[in-house]
Amino acid sequence: MTTDHGGLPLPDYDQLSVGTLEHRIRALSVPELDRLLHYEHEHADRAMVVQVLTARKRQLDAGAPLSGGNPAASKPGTAGRGRGGSPVSPATSPEPASPPPHGTPDQRGKPKGDRTG
């Protein structure tokens, strides 16, 4: 078994989730995908990872272009830290249509038998 991560096209490969890996491999060539597949088979041999790597390799073999992205652009633990953030805020959220059945601090809940309308 090889444990050398230096030869891998993604140095942090072992820490990547399948979803992150799926995006990061778009800039890799077929030989680089082959290296990752070989490494994966020798180590964890995760079925979902093998499936993602194999599917991307098939796409490239069928003529899909490499993306211009940087395979190191998204580091583990940085997901969701985009520059824009979420556009949702209390100011942009709608008012609730009716209070929850258990009530709110300013409006007490009603017992089930007394609910009307």
N, C-alpha and C. Protein backbone atom coordinates (compact mmCIF):
# COMPACT_ATOMS: atom_id res chain seq x y z
N MET A 1 0.83 -1.21 0.00
CA MET A 1 0.00 0.00 0.00
C MET A 1 0.86 1.25 0.00
N THR A 2 0.53 2.18 -0.83
CA THR A 2 1.24 3.45 -0.89
C THR A 2 0.56 4.44 0.05
N THR A 3 1.35 5.20 0.76
CA THR A 3 0.77 6.24 1.62
C THR A 3 1.30 7.60 1.22
N ASP A 4 1.95 7.69 0.07
CA ASP A 4 2.52 8.95 -0.40
C ASP A 4 1.43 9.83 -1.00
N HIS A 5 1.15 10.93 -0.33
CA HIS A 5 0.15 11.88 -0.83
C HIS A 5 0.77 12.90 -1.77
N GLY A 6 2.09 12.99 -1.79
CA GLY A 6 2.78 13.99 -2.61
C GLY A 6 2.53 13.82 -4.10
N GLY A 7 2.34 12.59 -4.55
CA GLY A 7 2.12 12.36 -5.96
C GLY A 7 0.68 12.55 -6.41
N LEU A 8 -0.22 12.80 -5.46
CA LEU A 8 -1.62 12.98 -5.82
C LEU A 8 -1.89 14.38 -6.34
N PRO A 9 -2.76 14.51 -7.33
CA PRO A 9 -3.08 15.84 -7.86
C PRO A 9 -3.86 16.70 -6.87
N LEU A 10 -4.45 16.10 -5.85
CA LEU A 10 -5.17 16.82 -4.80
C LEU A 10 -4.49 16.45 -3.47
N PRO A 11 -3.59 17.29 -2.96
CA PRO A 11 -2.83 16.94 -1.76
C PRO A 11 -3.71 16.66 -0.53
N ASP A 12 -4.88 17.27 -0.46
CA ASP A 12 -5.78 17.07 0.68
C ASP A 12 -6.87 16.06 0.36
N TYR A 13 -6.62 15.19 -0.59
CA TYR A 13 -7.59 14.24 -1.12
C TYR A 13 -8.31 13.44 -0.03
N ASP A 14 -7.58 12.93 0.94
CA ASP A 14 -8.18 12.08 1.98
C ASP A 14 -9.19 12.81 2.85
N GLN A 15 -9.13 14.12 2.91
CA GLN A 15 -10.04 14.89 3.75
C GLN A 15 -11.25 15.41 2.98
N LEU A 16 -11.33 15.19 1.69
CA LEU A 16 -12.43 15.73 0.89
C LEU A 16 -13.68 14.88 0.98
N SER A 17 -14.82 15.55 1.09
CA SER A 17 -16.10 14.84 1.02
C SER A 17 -16.35 14.48 -0.44
N VAL A 18 -17.27 13.56 -0.67
CA VAL A 18 -17.58 13.15 -2.05
C VAL A 18 -18.09 14.35 -2.85
N GLY A 19 -18.93 15.19 -2.25
CA GLY A 19 -19.46 16.36 -2.95
C GLY A 19 -18.37 17.34 -3.34
N THR A 20 -17.44 17.59 -2.43
CA THR A 20 -16.34 18.50 -2.72
C THR A 20 -15.43 17.89 -3.79
N LEU A 21 -15.16 16.61 -3.64
CA LEU A 21 -14.31 15.91 -4.60
C LEU A 21 -14.90 15.99 -6.00
N GLU A 22 -16.21 15.84 -6.09
CA GLU A 22 -16.89 15.88 -7.39
C GLU A 22 -16.62 17.19 -8.12
N HIS A 23 -16.54 18.29 -7.40
CA HIS A 23 -16.26 19.58 -8.02
C HIS A 23 -14.77 19.78 -8.28
N ARG A 24 -13.95 19.33 -7.37
CA ARG A 24 -12.51 19.55 -7.49
C ARG A 24 -11.88 18.75 -8.64
N ILE A 25 -12.45 17.60 -9.00
CA ILE A 25 -11.83 16.78 -10.05
C ILE A 25 -12.13 17.28 -11.45
N ARG A 26 -12.99 18.28 -11.59
CA ARG A 26 -13.36 18.77 -12.93
C ARG A 26 -12.17 19.38 -13.69
N ALA A 27 -11.15 19.80 -12.97
CA ALA A 27 -9.98 20.39 -13.63
C ALA A 27 -8.87 19.37 -13.85
N LEU A 28 -9.10 18.12 -13.48
CA LEU A 28 -8.06 17.09 -13.59
C LEU A 28 -8.12 16.36 -14.92
N SER A 29 -6.95 15.93 -15.38
CA SER A 29 -6.84 15.17 -16.63
C SER A 29 -7.08 13.69 -16.35
N VAL A 30 -7.17 12.89 -17.41
CA VAL A 30 -7.38 11.45 -17.27
C VAL A 30 -6.23 10.80 -16.49
N PRO A 31 -4.95 11.12 -16.78
CA PRO A 31 -3.87 10.51 -15.99
C PRO A 31 -3.96 10.86 -14.49
N GLU A 32 -4.39 12.09 -14.20
CA GLU A 32 -4.53 12.49 -12.79
C GLU A 32 -5.68 11.72 -12.13
N LEU A 33 -6.78 11.53 -12.86
CA LEU A 33 -7.89 10.74 -12.34
C LEU A 33 -7.46 9.29 -12.13
N ASP A 34 -6.64 8.78 -13.04
CA ASP A 34 -6.13 7.41 -12.90
C ASP A 34 -5.31 7.27 -11.62
N ARG A 35 -4.48 8.29 -11.31
CA ARG A 35 -3.69 8.26 -10.06
C ARG A 35 -4.60 8.21 -8.83
N LEU A 36 -5.66 9.05 -8.86
CA LEU A 36 -6.59 9.06 -7.73
C LEU A 36 -7.33 7.72 -7.61
N LEU A 37 -7.76 7.16 -8.74
CA LEU A 37 -8.44 5.86 -8.72
C LEU A 37 -7.54 4.77 -8.16
N HIS A 38 -6.29 4.76 -8.60
CA HIS A 38 -5.33 3.77 -8.11
C HIS A 38 -5.14 3.93 -6.60
N TYR A 39 -4.95 5.16 -6.15
CA TYR A 39 -4.78 5.44 -4.72
C TYR A 39 -6.03 5.02 -3.93
N GLU A 40 -7.19 5.34 -4.45
CA GLU A 40 -8.45 5.00 -3.76
C GLU A 40 -8.60 3.48 -3.63
N HIS A 41 -8.31 2.75 -4.70
CA HIS A 41 -8.43 1.29 -4.65
C HIS A 41 -7.45 0.69 -3.64
N GLU A 42 -6.28 1.29 -3.47
CA GLU A 42 -5.29 0.77 -2.53
C GLU A 42 -5.57 1.16 -1.09
N HIS A 43 -6.41 2.14 -0.89
CA HIS A 43 -6.64 2.64 0.48
C HIS A 43 -8.08 2.38 0.91
N ALA A 44 -8.90 3.39 0.94
CA ALA A 44 -10.26 3.26 1.49
C ALA A 44 -11.19 2.47 0.56
N ASP A 45 -10.97 2.57 -0.74
CA ASP A 45 -11.81 1.90 -1.74
C ASP A 45 -13.29 2.19 -1.52
N ARG A 46 -13.60 3.48 -1.35
CA ARG A 46 -14.98 3.91 -1.12
C ARG A 46 -15.76 3.85 -2.44
N ALA A 47 -16.87 3.15 -2.41
CA ALA A 47 -17.66 2.92 -3.63
C ALA A 47 -18.13 4.23 -4.27
N MET A 48 -18.61 5.17 -3.48
CA MET A 48 -19.11 6.45 -4.03
C MET A 48 -17.97 7.25 -4.67
N VAL A 49 -16.80 7.23 -4.05
CA VAL A 49 -15.65 7.97 -4.60
C VAL A 49 -15.21 7.33 -5.91
N VAL A 50 -15.11 6.01 -5.93
CA VAL A 50 -14.73 5.31 -7.17
C VAL A 50 -15.74 5.62 -8.26
N GLN A 51 -17.02 5.65 -7.91
CA GLN A 51 -18.08 5.94 -8.88
C GLN A 51 -17.92 7.35 -9.44
N VAL A 52 -17.65 8.34 -8.59
CA VAL A 52 -17.49 9.73 -9.05
C VAL A 52 -16.26 9.87 -9.95
N LEU A 53 -15.15 9.26 -9.54
CA LEU A 53 -13.92 9.35 -10.34
C LEU A 53 -14.10 8.66 -11.69
N THR A 54 -14.73 7.49 -11.68
CA THR A 54 -14.94 6.73 -12.92
C THR A 54 -15.89 7.48 -13.86
N ALA A 55 -16.95 8.08 -13.29
CA ALA A 55 -17.90 8.82 -14.12
C ALA A 55 -17.22 10.02 -14.78
N ARG A 56 -16.37 10.72 -14.03
CA ARG A 56 -15.67 11.87 -14.61
C ARG A 56 -14.70 11.42 -15.69
N LYS A 57 -14.03 10.31 -15.46
CA LYS A 57 -13.10 9.78 -16.47
C LYS A 57 -13.86 9.44 -17.75
N ARG A 58 -15.05 8.84 -17.62
CA ARG A 58 -15.87 8.53 -18.79
C ARG A 58 -16.28 9.80 -19.54
N GLN A 59 -16.61 10.84 -18.78
CA GLN A 59 -16.99 12.12 -19.41
C GLN A 59 -15.83 12.65 -20.24
N LEU A 60 -14.62 12.61 -19.69
CA LEU A 60 -13.45 13.10 -20.42
C LEU A 60 -13.17 12.23 -21.64
N ASP A 61 -13.31 10.93 -21.49
CA ASP A 61 -13.09 10.02 -22.62
C ASP A 61 -14.10 10.28 -23.74
N ALA A 62 -15.29 10.76 -23.36
CA ALA A 62 -16.34 11.06 -24.35
C ALA A 62 -16.18 12.45 -24.95
N GLY A 63 -15.15 13.19 -24.53
CA GLY A 63 -14.89 14.49 -25.13
C GLY A 63 -15.25 15.69 -24.28
N ALA A 64 -15.66 15.48 -23.05
CA ALA A 64 -15.98 16.62 -22.18
C ALA A 64 -14.71 17.43 -21.91
N PRO A 65 -14.83 18.75 -21.90
CA PRO A 65 -13.63 19.57 -21.65
C PRO A 65 -13.31 19.62 -20.16
N LEU A 66 -12.04 19.89 -19.87
CA LEU A 66 -11.63 20.16 -18.49
C LEU A 66 -12.20 21.52 -18.11
N SER A 67 -12.59 21.67 -16.86
CA SER A 67 -13.03 23.00 -16.46
C SER A 67 -11.78 23.82 -16.20
N GLY A 68 -11.91 25.11 -16.26
CA GLY A 68 -10.76 25.97 -16.02
C GLY A 68 -10.52 26.19 -14.55
N GLY A 69 -11.29 25.53 -13.71
CA GLY A 69 -11.20 25.74 -12.26
C GLY A 69 -9.89 25.26 -11.68
N ASN A 70 -9.62 25.73 -10.49
CA ASN A 70 -8.43 25.35 -9.76
C ASN A 70 -8.79 24.20 -8.84
N PRO A 71 -8.15 23.03 -8.96
CA PRO A 71 -8.53 21.91 -8.11
C PRO A 71 -8.25 22.15 -6.63
N ALA A 72 -7.49 23.16 -6.29
CA ALA A 72 -7.20 23.46 -4.88
C ALA A 72 -8.04 24.63 -4.38
N ALA A 73 -8.98 25.10 -5.18
CA ALA A 73 -9.74 26.30 -4.82
C ALA A 73 -10.60 26.14 -3.60
N SER A 74 -11.22 25.00 -3.43
CA SER A 74 -12.12 24.81 -2.30
C SER A 74 -11.48 23.90 -1.28
N LYS A 75 -10.97 24.46 -0.22
CA LYS A 75 -10.32 23.68 0.83
C LYS A 75 -11.37 23.09 1.76
N PRO A 76 -11.08 21.95 2.39
CA PRO A 76 -12.04 21.36 3.32
C PRO A 76 -12.38 22.34 4.44
N GLY A 77 -13.63 22.36 4.82
CA GLY A 77 -14.07 23.22 5.91
C GLY A 77 -14.41 24.63 5.50
N THR A 78 -14.29 24.95 4.20
CA THR A 78 -14.60 26.31 3.77
C THR A 78 -15.91 26.38 3.01
N ALA A 79 -16.63 25.29 2.93
CA ALA A 79 -17.90 25.30 2.21
C ALA A 79 -18.86 26.27 2.86
N GLY A 80 -19.59 26.99 2.05
CA GLY A 80 -20.57 27.92 2.58
C GLY A 80 -19.99 29.26 2.98
N ARG A 81 -18.71 29.48 2.70
CA ARG A 81 -18.10 30.75 3.06
C ARG A 81 -17.89 31.61 1.82
N GLY A 82 -18.91 31.66 1.00
CA GLY A 82 -18.82 32.46 -0.22
C GLY A 82 -18.75 33.93 0.10
N ARG A 83 -18.39 34.72 -0.89
CA ARG A 83 -18.23 36.14 -0.63
C ARG A 83 -19.55 36.86 -0.43
N GLY A 84 -20.63 36.33 -1.01
CA GLY A 84 -21.91 37.02 -0.90
C GLY A 84 -22.70 36.68 0.33
N GLY A 85 -22.54 35.49 0.85
CA GLY A 85 -23.34 35.07 1.99
C GLY A 85 -24.76 34.79 1.57
N SER A 86 -25.59 34.53 2.53
CA SER A 86 -26.98 34.22 2.25
C SER A 86 -27.80 35.49 2.11
N PRO A 87 -28.66 35.57 1.09
CA PRO A 87 -29.49 36.77 0.95
C PRO A 87 -30.66 36.76 1.93
N VAL A 88 -30.84 35.67 2.66
CA VAL A 88 -31.95 35.58 3.59
C VAL A 88 -31.58 36.25 4.90
N SER A 89 -32.46 37.08 5.38
CA SER A 89 -32.27 37.76 6.66
C SER A 89 -33.65 38.01 7.24
N PRO A 90 -33.72 38.41 8.51
CA PRO A 90 -35.04 38.72 9.07
C PRO A 90 -35.77 39.80 8.26
N ALA A 91 -35.02 40.72 7.68
CA ALA A 91 -35.65 41.80 6.91
C ALA A 91 -36.26 41.28 5.60
N THR A 92 -35.69 40.23 5.03
CA THR A 92 -36.18 39.72 3.75
C THR A 92 -37.12 38.52 3.92
N SER A 93 -37.26 38.02 5.13
CA SER A 93 -38.14 36.88 5.38
C SER A 93 -39.58 37.34 5.52
N PRO A 94 -40.53 36.56 5.01
CA PRO A 94 -41.94 36.95 5.15
C PRO A 94 -42.42 36.74 6.58
N GLU A 95 -43.47 37.44 6.92
CA GLU A 95 -44.10 37.25 8.22
C GLU A 95 -44.83 35.91 8.21
N PRO A 96 -44.85 35.20 9.34
CA PRO A 96 -45.58 33.94 9.35
C PRO A 96 -47.08 34.17 9.15
N ALA A 97 -47.74 33.26 8.46
CA ALA A 97 -49.16 33.40 8.16
C ALA A 97 -50.02 33.26 9.42
N SER A 98 -49.64 32.38 10.29
CA SER A 98 -50.37 32.20 11.54
C SER A 98 -49.39 31.71 12.59
N PRO A 99 -49.65 31.99 13.85
CA PRO A 99 -48.71 31.53 14.88
C PRO A 99 -48.72 30.01 14.98
N PRO A 100 -47.64 29.44 15.45
CA PRO A 100 -47.61 28.00 15.62
C PRO A 100 -48.65 27.58 16.67
N PRO A 101 -49.07 26.32 16.67
CA PRO A 101 -50.13 25.89 17.59
C PRO A 101 -49.75 26.04 19.06
N HIS A 102 -48.47 26.09 19.36
CA HIS A 102 -48.06 26.22 20.75
C HIS A 102 -48.00 27.69 21.19
N GLY A 103 -48.24 28.61 20.27
CA GLY A 103 -48.27 30.03 20.60
C GLY A 103 -46.91 30.69 20.46
N THR A 104 -46.90 31.99 20.66
CA THR A 104 -45.67 32.78 20.66
C THR A 104 -45.65 33.57 21.96
N PRO A 105 -44.53 34.19 22.31
CA PRO A 105 -44.49 34.92 23.58
C PRO A 105 -45.58 35.98 23.70
N ASP A 106 -45.95 36.61 22.60
CA ASP A 106 -46.96 37.66 22.68
C ASP A 106 -48.38 37.16 22.38
N GLN A 107 -48.52 35.89 21.99
CA GLN A 107 -49.84 35.33 21.71
C GLN A 107 -49.86 33.88 22.18
N ARG A 108 -50.64 33.62 23.17
CA ARG A 108 -50.68 32.27 23.75
C ARG A 108 -51.37 31.30 22.80
N GLY A 109 -50.97 30.05 22.89
CA GLY A 109 -51.60 29.00 22.10
C GLY A 109 -53.03 28.72 22.59
N LYS A 110 -53.79 28.11 21.73
CA LYS A 110 -55.18 27.78 22.07
C LYS A 110 -55.28 26.27 22.24
N PRO A 111 -56.04 25.83 23.21
CA PRO A 111 -56.26 24.39 23.33
C PRO A 111 -56.95 23.85 22.08
N LYS A 112 -56.70 22.63 21.72
CA LYS A 112 -57.25 22.06 20.48
C LYS A 112 -58.76 22.16 20.40
N GLY A 113 -59.45 21.95 21.50
CA GLY A 113 -60.91 21.95 21.48
C GLY A 113 -61.50 23.33 21.25
N ASP A 114 -60.76 24.40 21.55
CA ASP A 114 -61.28 25.76 21.44
C ASP A 114 -60.92 26.45 20.13
N ARG A 115 -60.24 25.75 19.23
CA ARG A 115 -59.81 26.40 17.99
C ARG A 115 -60.98 26.63 17.07
N THR A 116 -61.11 27.85 16.63
CA THR A 116 -62.12 28.16 15.64
C THR A 116 -61.49 29.08 14.61
N GLY A 117 -61.76 28.82 13.37
CA GLY A 117 -61.39 29.68 12.28
C GLY A 117 -59.99 29.85 12.08
